[in-house]
Amino acid sequence: AQGKIKGESVILAKPTTFMNNSGEAVVLLKEQY
């Protein structure tokens, strides 16, 4: 989900990798942003 809150760009994410592999999703987000 993407939006703006208090003028700040915000991305909300729910990894689809299952809990124990959450890093796979977070690293992709970090690389993109």
All heavy atoms as atom14 arrays in JSON, in Angstrom:
{
  "sequence": "AQGKIKGESVILAKPTTFMNNSGEAVVLLKEQY",
  "atom14_mask": [
    [1, 1, 1, 1, 1, 0, 0, 0, 0, 0, 0, 0, 0, 0],
    [1, 1, 1, 1, 1, 1, 1, 1, 1, 0, 0, 0, 0, 0],
    [1, 1, 1, 1, 0, 0, 0, 0, 0, 0, 0, 0, 0, 0],
    [1, 1, 1, 1, 1, 1, 1, 1, 1, 0, 0, 0, 0, 0],
    [1, 1, 1, 1, 1, 1, 1, 1, 0, 0, 0, 0, 0, 0],
    [1, 1, 1, 1, 1, 1, 1, 1, 1, 0, 0, 0, 0, 0],
    [1, 1, 1, 1, 0, 0, 0, 0, 0, 0, 0, 0, 0, 0],
    [1, 1, 1, 1, 1, 1, 1, 1, 1, 0, 0, 0, 0, 0],
    [1, 1, 1, 1, 1, 1, 0, 0, 0, 0, 0, 0, 0, 0],
    [1, 1, 1, 1, 1, 1, 1, 0, 0, 0, 0, 0, 0, 0],
    [1, 1, 1, 1, 1, 1, 1, 1, 0, 0, 0, 0, 0, 0],
    [1, 1, 1, 1, 1, 1, 1, 1, 0, 0, 0, 0, 0, 0],
    [1, 1, 1, 1, 1, 0, 0, 0, 0, 0, 0, 0, 0, 0],
    [1, 1, 1, 1, 1, 1, 1, 1, 1, 0, 0, 0, 0, 0],
    [1, 1, 1, 1, 1, 1, 1, 0, 0, 0, 0, 0, 0, 0],
    [1, 1, 1, 1, 1, 1, 1, 0, 0, 0, 0, 0, 0, 0],
    [1, 1, 1, 1, 1, 1, 1, 0, 0, 0, 0, 0, 0, 0],
    [1, 1, 1, 1, 1, 1, 1, 1, 1, 1, 1, 0, 0, 0],
    [1, 1, 1, 1, 1, 1, 1, 1, 0, 0, 0, 0, 0, 0],
    [1, 1, 1, 1, 1, 1, 1, 1, 0, 0, 0, 0, 0, 0],
    [1, 1, 1, 1, 1, 1, 1, 1, 0, 0, 0, 0, 0, 0],
    [1, 1, 1, 1, 1, 1, 0, 0, 0, 0, 0, 0, 0, 0],
    [1, 1, 1, 1, 0, 0, 0, 0, 0, 0, 0, 0, 0, 0],
    [1, 1, 1, 1, 1, 1, 1, 1, 1, 0, 0, 0, 0, 0],
    [1, 1, 1, 1, 1, 0, 0, 0, 0, 0, 0, 0, 0, 0],
    [1, 1, 1, 1, 1, 1, 1, 0, 0, 0, 0, 0, 0, 0],
    [1, 1, 1, 1, 1, 1, 1, 0, 0, 0, 0, 0, 0, 0],
    [1, 1, 1, 1, 1, 1, 1, 1, 0, 0, 0, 0, 0, 0],
    [1, 1, 1, 1, 1, 1, 1, 1, 0, 0, 0, 0, 0, 0],
    [1, 1, 1, 1, 1, 1, 1, 1, 1, 0, 0, 0, 0, 0],
    [1, 1, 1, 1, 1, 1, 1, 1, 1, 0, 0, 0, 0, 0],
    [1, 1, 1, 1, 1, 1, 1, 1, 1, 0, 0, 0, 0, 0],
    [1, 1, 1, 1, 1, 1, 1, 1, 1, 1, 1, 1, 0, 0]
  ],
  "atom14_positions": [
    [[0.87, -1.17, 0.0], [0.0, 0.0, 0.0], [0.91, 1.22, 0.0], [1.96, 1.21, 0.64], [-0.9, 0.0, 1.23], [0.0, 0.0, 0.0], [0.0, 0.0, 0.0], [0.0, 0.0, 0.0], [0.0, 0.0, 0.0], [0.0, 0.0, 0.0], [0.0, 0.0, 0.0], [0.0, 0.0, 0.0], [0.0, 0.0, 0.0], [0.0, 0.0, 0.0]],
    [[0.52, 2.25, -0.74], [1.32, 3.48, -0.79], [0.44, 4.67, -0.51], [-0.73, 4.69, -0.88], [1.95, 3.65, -2.18], [3.01, 2.6, -2.47], [3.61, 2.78, -3.84], [3.11, 2.24, -4.81], [4.69, 3.56, -3.9], [0.0, 0.0, 0.0], [0.0, 0.0, 0.0], [0.0, 0.0, 0.0], [0.0, 0.0, 0.0], [0.0, 0.0, 0.0]],
    [[1.02, 5.66, 0.16], [0.27, 6.88, 0.44], [1.18, 7.94, 1.03], [2.4, 7.79, 1.06], [0.0, 0.0, 0.0], [0.0, 0.0, 0.0], [0.0, 0.0, 0.0], [0.0, 0.0, 0.0], [0.0, 0.0, 0.0], [0.0, 0.0, 0.0], [0.0, 0.0, 0.0], [0.0, 0.0, 0.0], [0.0, 0.0, 0.0], [0.0, 0.0, 0.0]],
    [[0.54, 9.0, 1.48], [1.25, 10.09, 2.15], [0.6, 10.31, 3.5], [-0.63, 10.34, 3.61], [1.19, 11.38, 1.33], [2.18, 11.42, 0.2], [2.44, 12.87, -0.2], [3.42, 12.94, -1.34], [4.79, 12.88, -0.95], [0.0, 0.0, 0.0], [0.0, 0.0, 0.0], [0.0, 0.0, 0.0], [0.0, 0.0, 0.0], [0.0, 0.0, 0.0]],
    [[1.43, 10.48, 4.5], [0.97, 10.78, 5.85], [1.83, 11.92, 6.37], [3.07, 11.82, 6.34], [1.09, 9.54, 6.77], [0.26, 8.38, 6.22], [0.66, 9.89, 8.19], [0.46, 7.07, 6.93], [0.0, 0.0, 0.0], [0.0, 0.0, 0.0], [0.0, 0.0, 0.0], [0.0, 0.0, 0.0], [0.0, 0.0, 0.0], [0.0, 0.0, 0.0]],
    [[1.17, 12.98, 6.8], [1.89, 14.18, 7.28], [2.89, 14.66, 6.24], [3.98, 15.1, 6.57], [2.59, 13.91, 8.6], [1.71, 13.57, 9.76], [2.58, 13.41, 11.0], [1.82, 12.98, 12.21], [2.71, 12.81, 13.37], [0.0, 0.0, 0.0], [0.0, 0.0, 0.0], [0.0, 0.0, 0.0], [0.0, 0.0, 0.0], [0.0, 0.0, 0.0]],
    [[2.56, 14.52, 4.97], [3.43, 14.97, 3.89], [4.57, 14.01, 3.57], [5.35, 14.25, 2.66], [0.0, 0.0, 0.0], [0.0, 0.0, 0.0], [0.0, 0.0, 0.0], [0.0, 0.0, 0.0], [0.0, 0.0, 0.0], [0.0, 0.0, 0.0], [0.0, 0.0, 0.0], [0.0, 0.0, 0.0], [0.0, 0.0, 0.0], [0.0, 0.0, 0.0]],
    [[4.67, 12.92, 4.28], [5.74, 11.93, 4.1], [5.23, 10.77, 3.24], [4.15, 10.23, 3.49], [6.17, 11.39, 5.47], [7.28, 10.39, 5.45], [8.66, 11.01, 5.42], [8.9, 11.97, 6.16], [9.49, 10.52, 4.65], [0.0, 0.0, 0.0], [0.0, 0.0, 0.0], [0.0, 0.0, 0.0], [0.0, 0.0, 0.0], [0.0, 0.0, 0.0]],
    [[6.0, 10.38, 2.24], [5.66, 9.2, 1.44], [5.86, 7.95, 2.29], [6.89, 7.8, 2.95], [6.55, 9.12, 0.2], [6.25, 10.18, -0.67], [0.0, 0.0, 0.0], [0.0, 0.0, 0.0], [0.0, 0.0, 0.0], [0.0, 0.0, 0.0], [0.0, 0.0, 0.0], [0.0, 0.0, 0.0], [0.0, 0.0, 0.0], [0.0, 0.0, 0.0]],
    [[4.85, 7.09, 2.25], [4.86, 5.89, 3.08], [4.5, 4.68, 2.23], [3.59, 4.73, 1.41], [3.84, 6.03, 4.23], [3.76, 4.76, 5.05], [4.19, 7.21, 5.13], [0.0, 0.0, 0.0], [0.0, 0.0, 0.0], [0.0, 0.0, 0.0], [0.0, 0.0, 0.0], [0.0, 0.0, 0.0], [0.0, 0.0, 0.0], [0.0, 0.0, 0.0]],
    [[5.25, 3.61, 2.43], [4.91, 2.32, 1.84], [4.63, 1.37, 2.98], [5.43, 1.24, 3.91], [6.05, 1.78, 0.96], [6.24, 2.67, -0.25], [5.79, 0.34, 0.55], [7.38, 2.28, -1.14], [0.0, 0.0, 0.0], [0.0, 0.0, 0.0], [0.0, 0.0, 0.0], [0.0, 0.0, 0.0], [0.0, 0.0, 0.0], [0.0, 0.0, 0.0]],
    [[3.49, 0.7, 2.92], [3.13, -0.32, 3.89], [3.3, -1.66, 3.19], [2.91, -1.81, 2.03], [1.68, -0.15, 4.35], [1.29, 1.24, 4.85], [-0.18, 1.25, 5.27], [2.17, 1.69, 5.98], [0.0, 0.0, 0.0], [0.0, 0.0, 0.0], [0.0, 0.0, 0.0], [0.0, 0.0, 0.0], [0.0, 0.0, 0.0], [0.0, 0.0, 0.0]],
    [[3.89, -2.62, 3.87], [4.17, -3.91, 3.24], [3.83, -5.06, 4.17], [4.13, -5.02, 5.37], [5.63, -3.99, 2.82], [0.0, 0.0, 0.0], [0.0, 0.0, 0.0], [0.0, 0.0, 0.0], [0.0, 0.0, 0.0], [0.0, 0.0, 0.0], [0.0, 0.0, 0.0], [0.0, 0.0, 0.0], [0.0, 0.0, 0.0], [0.0, 0.0, 0.0]],
    [[3.22, -6.1, 3.57], [2.99, -7.36, 4.25], [3.7, -8.43, 3.4], [3.22, -8.78, 2.32], [1.5, -7.67, 4.35], [0.74, -6.66, 5.19], [-0.7, -7.06, 5.47], [-1.56, -7.02, 4.25], [-3.0, -7.25, 4.55], [0.0, 0.0, 0.0], [0.0, 0.0, 0.0], [0.0, 0.0, 0.0], [0.0, 0.0, 0.0], [0.0, 0.0, 0.0]],
    [[4.86, -8.91, 3.86], [5.59, -9.92, 3.08], [4.74, -11.16, 2.82], [4.0, -11.62, 3.69], [6.79, -10.25, 3.96], [7.01, -9.02, 4.77], [5.6, -8.5, 5.05], [0.0, 0.0, 0.0], [0.0, 0.0, 0.0], [0.0, 0.0, 0.0], [0.0, 0.0, 0.0], [0.0, 0.0, 0.0], [0.0, 0.0, 0.0], [0.0, 0.0, 0.0]],
    [[4.88, -11.69, 1.61], [4.17, -12.92, 1.23], [5.08, -14.14, 1.33], [4.73, -15.22, 0.85], [3.62, -12.8, -0.21], [4.69, -12.53, -1.1], [2.57, -11.7, -0.31], [0.0, 0.0, 0.0], [0.0, 0.0, 0.0], [0.0, 0.0, 0.0], [0.0, 0.0, 0.0], [0.0, 0.0, 0.0], [0.0, 0.0, 0.0], [0.0, 0.0, 0.0]],
    [[6.21, -13.97, 1.94], [7.25, -15.01, 2.02], [7.07, -15.95, 3.2], [7.87, -16.86, 3.38], [8.62, -14.35, 2.16], [8.59, -13.49, 3.32], [8.99, -13.56, 0.94], [0.0, 0.0, 0.0], [0.0, 0.0, 0.0], [0.0, 0.0, 0.0], [0.0, 0.0, 0.0], [0.0, 0.0, 0.0], [0.0, 0.0, 0.0], [0.0, 0.0, 0.0]],
    [[6.08, -15.7, 4.03], [5.91, -16.35, 5.32], [6.96, -15.8, 6.28], [8.01, -15.31, 5.89], [5.93, -17.88, 5.24], [4.69, -18.44, 4.61], [4.68, -18.72, 3.25], [3.54, -18.65, 5.35], [3.53, -19.2, 2.64], [2.39, -19.14, 4.75], [2.37, -19.41, 3.4], [0.0, 0.0, 0.0], [0.0, 0.0, 0.0], [0.0, 0.0, 0.0]],
    [[6.63, -15.87, 7.53], [7.39, -15.2, 8.6], [8.89, -15.48, 8.55], [9.69, -14.56, 8.58], [6.83, -15.66, 9.95], [7.49, -15.03, 11.14], [7.19, -13.27, 11.28], [5.52, -13.29, 11.9], [0.0, 0.0, 0.0], [0.0, 0.0, 0.0], [0.0, 0.0, 0.0], [0.0, 0.0, 0.0], [0.0, 0.0, 0.0], [0.0, 0.0, 0.0]],
    [[9.26, -16.74, 8.48], [10.68, -17.1, 8.62], [11.54, -16.65, 7.45], [12.76, -16.76, 7.52], [10.82, -18.6, 8.84], [10.24, -19.03, 10.17], [9.85, -18.21, 11.0], [10.15, -20.33, 10.37], [0.0, 0.0, 0.0], [0.0, 0.0, 0.0], [0.0, 0.0, 0.0], [0.0, 0.0, 0.0], [0.0, 0.0, 0.0], [0.0, 0.0, 0.0]],
    [[10.93, -16.17, 6.37], [11.69, -15.68, 5.21], [11.4, -14.21, 4.93], [11.57, -13.75, 3.81], [11.36, -16.53, 3.98], [11.76, -17.98, 4.18], [12.86, -18.27, 4.62], [10.86, -18.89, 3.89], [0.0, 0.0, 0.0], [0.0, 0.0, 0.0], [0.0, 0.0, 0.0], [0.0, 0.0, 0.0], [0.0, 0.0, 0.0], [0.0, 0.0, 0.0]],
    [[10.98, -13.47, 5.92], [10.61, -12.06, 5.75], [11.74, -11.22, 5.17], [11.49, -10.24, 4.46], [10.17, -11.46, 7.09], [9.03, -12.12, 7.58], [0.0, 0.0, 0.0], [0.0, 0.0, 0.0], [0.0, 0.0, 0.0], [0.0, 0.0, 0.0], [0.0, 0.0, 0.0], [0.0, 0.0, 0.0], [0.0, 0.0, 0.0], [0.0, 0.0, 0.0]],
    [[12.96, -11.59, 5.45], [14.11, -10.83, 4.94], [14.15, -10.77, 3.42], [14.62, -9.79, 2.84], [0.0, 0.0, 0.0], [0.0, 0.0, 0.0], [0.0, 0.0, 0.0], [0.0, 0.0, 0.0], [0.0, 0.0, 0.0], [0.0, 0.0, 0.0], [0.0, 0.0, 0.0], [0.0, 0.0, 0.0], [0.0, 0.0, 0.0], [0.0, 0.0, 0.0]],
    [[13.64, -11.81, 2.75], [13.61, -11.82, 1.28], [12.79, -10.65, 0.74], [13.14, -10.07, -0.28], [13.02, -13.13, 0.77], [13.85, -14.35, 1.06], [13.15, -15.64, 0.65], [12.17, -15.59, -0.13], [13.58, -16.71, 1.11], [0.0, 0.0, 0.0], [0.0, 0.0, 0.0], [0.0, 0.0, 0.0], [0.0, 0.0, 0.0], [0.0, 0.0, 0.0]],
    [[11.71, -10.31, 1.4], [10.87, -9.19, 0.97], [11.48, -7.86, 1.39], [11.55, -6.92, 0.59], [9.47, -9.33, 1.57], [0.0, 0.0, 0.0], [0.0, 0.0, 0.0], [0.0, 0.0, 0.0], [0.0, 0.0, 0.0], [0.0, 0.0, 0.0], [0.0, 0.0, 0.0], [0.0, 0.0, 0.0], [0.0, 0.0, 0.0], [0.0, 0.0, 0.0]],
    [[11.96, -7.78, 2.61], [12.49, -6.51, 3.12], [13.72, -6.06, 2.33], [13.87, -4.88, 2.03], [12.77, -6.59, 4.63], [13.43, -5.32, 5.14], [11.47, -6.85, 5.39], [0.0, 0.0, 0.0], [0.0, 0.0, 0.0], [0.0, 0.0, 0.0], [0.0, 0.0, 0.0], [0.0, 0.0, 0.0], [0.0, 0.0, 0.0], [0.0, 0.0, 0.0]],
    [[14.58, -6.99, 1.95], [15.76, -6.6, 1.18], [15.36, -6.05, -0.18], [15.99, -5.1, -0.68], [16.79, -7.76, 1.05], [16.32, -8.85, 0.1], [18.15, -7.23, 0.62], [0.0, 0.0, 0.0], [0.0, 0.0, 0.0], [0.0, 0.0, 0.0], [0.0, 0.0, 0.0], [0.0, 0.0, 0.0], [0.0, 0.0, 0.0], [0.0, 0.0, 0.0]],
    [[14.33, -6.58, -0.8], [13.87, -6.05, -2.09], [13.34, -4.63, -1.94], [13.61, -3.76, -2.78], [12.79, -6.96, -2.69], [13.23, -8.36, -3.1], [12.03, -9.19, -3.53], [14.27, -8.3, -4.2], [0.0, 0.0, 0.0], [0.0, 0.0, 0.0], [0.0, 0.0, 0.0], [0.0, 0.0, 0.0], [0.0, 0.0, 0.0], [0.0, 0.0, 0.0]],
    [[12.61, -4.37, -0.87], [12.12, -3.03, -0.6], [13.28, -2.07, -0.34], [13.3, -0.96, -0.86], [11.16, -3.04, 0.59], [9.8, -3.68, 0.33], [9.15, -4.14, 1.63], [8.91, -2.7, -0.42], [0.0, 0.0, 0.0], [0.0, 0.0, 0.0], [0.0, 0.0, 0.0], [0.0, 0.0, 0.0], [0.0, 0.0, 0.0], [0.0, 0.0, 0.0]],
    [[14.23, -2.53, 0.44], [15.4, -1.69, 0.76], [16.21, -1.38, -0.5], [16.7, -0.26, -0.67], [16.27, -2.37, 1.81], [17.45, -1.52, 2.27], [18.15, -2.16, 3.44], [19.38, -1.41, 3.89], [19.16, -0.04, 4.28], [0.0, 0.0, 0.0], [0.0, 0.0, 0.0], [0.0, 0.0, 0.0], [0.0, 0.0, 0.0], [0.0, 0.0, 0.0]],
    [[16.38, -2.35, -1.38], [17.12, -2.13, -2.62], [16.4, -1.13, -3.52], [17.02, -0.31, -4.18], [17.33, -3.45, -3.37], [18.35, -4.34, -2.71], [18.39, -5.74, -3.3], [17.54, -6.09, -4.17], [19.27, -6.53, -2.87], [0.0, 0.0, 0.0], [0.0, 0.0, 0.0], [0.0, 0.0, 0.0], [0.0, 0.0, 0.0], [0.0, 0.0, 0.0]],
    [[15.07, -1.19, -3.54], [14.28, -0.29, -4.38], [14.26, 1.14, -3.82], [14.32, 2.1, -4.56], [12.86, -0.82, -4.53], [11.98, 0.02, -5.42], [12.44, 0.05, -6.88], [13.01, -0.91, -7.39], [12.2, 1.16, -7.54], [0.0, 0.0, 0.0], [0.0, 0.0, 0.0], [0.0, 0.0, 0.0], [0.0, 0.0, 0.0], [0.0, 0.0, 0.0]],
    [[14.17, 1.25, -2.5], [14.06, 2.55, -1.83], [15.24, 2.71, -0.87], [15.08, 2.62, 0.35], [12.72, 2.64, -1.09], [11.54, 2.4, -1.99], [10.9, 1.17, -2.04], [11.06, 3.41, -2.82], [9.81, 0.94, -2.87], [9.97, 3.21, -3.66], [9.36, 1.97, -3.68], [8.29, 1.75, -4.51], [0.0, 0.0, 0.0], [0.0, 0.0, 0.0]]
  ]
}
